[in-house]
Amino acid sequence: MRGIDPAALRWWIAAAAALAVAVLAGVADWRRKRRVDLDRIGVVDWPTVQMLGLIVAAMLGTIALNA
């Protein structure tokens, strides 16, 4: 049985990291929407960070499949 290519493994790790960023951004946005003090504004646009993380994860996953 053949093992996974080390180059592809690096791409998969990068895709997993991008997916983790997207999940963490989703949690941060959920927390921001449920905040008690509505006058506290946020600096980071978490939905944008989440979408970029998902797009990057999909791109890196595609590269990993073709590596």
Protein backbone atom coordinates (compact mmCIF):
# COMPACT_ATOMS: atom_id res chain seq x y z
CA MET A 1 0.00 0.00 0.00
CA ARG A 2 1.29 3.42 -0.96
CA GLY A 3 1.56 6.27 1.56
CA ILE A 4 0.44 9.85 1.08
CA ASP A 5 2.74 12.16 -0.84
CA PRO A 6 4.55 14.60 1.50
CA ALA A 7 3.77 17.51 -0.83
CA ALA A 8 0.07 16.66 -0.79
CA LEU A 9 0.18 16.31 2.98
CA ARG A 10 1.43 19.89 3.27
CA TRP A 11 -1.47 21.10 1.13
CA TRP A 12 -3.95 19.12 3.27
CA ILE A 13 -2.50 20.64 6.45
CA ALA A 14 -2.83 24.12 4.96
CA ALA A 15 -6.44 23.38 3.95
CA ALA A 16 -7.20 22.15 7.48
CA ALA A 17 -5.68 25.33 8.93
CA ALA A 18 -7.82 27.50 6.64
CA LEU A 19 -10.89 25.49 7.65
CA ALA A 20 -9.99 26.00 11.32
CA VAL A 21 -9.78 29.76 10.74
CA ALA A 22 -13.24 29.66 9.13
CA VAL A 23 -14.70 27.74 12.06
CA LEU A 24 -13.13 30.09 14.60
CA ALA A 25 -14.47 33.09 12.67
CA GLY A 26 -17.93 31.53 12.77
CA VAL A 27 -17.68 31.11 16.54
CA ALA A 28 -16.45 34.69 16.92
CA ASP A 29 -19.36 36.00 14.85
CA TRP A 30 -21.82 33.95 16.90
CA ARG A 31 -20.36 35.43 20.09
CA ARG A 32 -20.53 38.95 18.62
CA LYS A 33 -24.20 38.53 17.74
CA ARG A 34 -25.01 37.37 21.27
CA ARG A 35 -23.10 40.11 23.13
CA VAL A 36 -24.81 41.76 26.08
CA ASP A 37 -23.40 45.27 25.63
CA LEU A 38 -24.71 46.29 22.21
CA ASP A 39 -22.73 49.53 22.31
CA ARG A 40 -19.43 47.62 22.09
CA ILE A 41 -18.58 47.59 18.43
CA GLY A 42 -16.40 45.03 16.73
CA VAL A 43 -13.40 45.80 14.57
CA VAL A 44 -13.23 42.58 12.57
CA ASP A 45 -15.87 41.63 10.01
CA TRP A 46 -16.12 37.95 10.99
CA PRO A 47 -18.48 36.79 8.21
CA THR A 48 -15.96 38.03 5.63
CA VAL A 49 -13.13 36.24 7.41
CA GLN A 50 -15.24 33.08 7.52
CA MET A 51 -16.06 33.19 3.80
CA LEU A 52 -12.43 33.85 2.86
CA GLY A 53 -11.35 30.96 5.06
CA LEU A 54 -13.82 28.62 3.38
CA ILE A 55 -12.78 29.75 -0.11
CA VAL A 56 -9.09 29.31 0.70
CA ALA A 57 -9.78 25.87 2.25
CA ALA A 58 -11.62 24.78 -0.90
CA MET A 59 -8.81 26.02 -3.13
CA LEU A 60 -6.12 24.32 -1.05
CA GLY A 61 -8.16 21.11 -0.92
CA THR A 62 -8.39 21.12 -4.71
CA ILE A 63 -4.65 21.62 -5.00
CA ALA A 64 -4.06 18.78 -2.51
CA LEU A 65 -6.24 16.42 -4.53
CA ASN A 66 -4.22 17.17 -7.66
CA ALA A 67 -0.78 17.06 -5.99
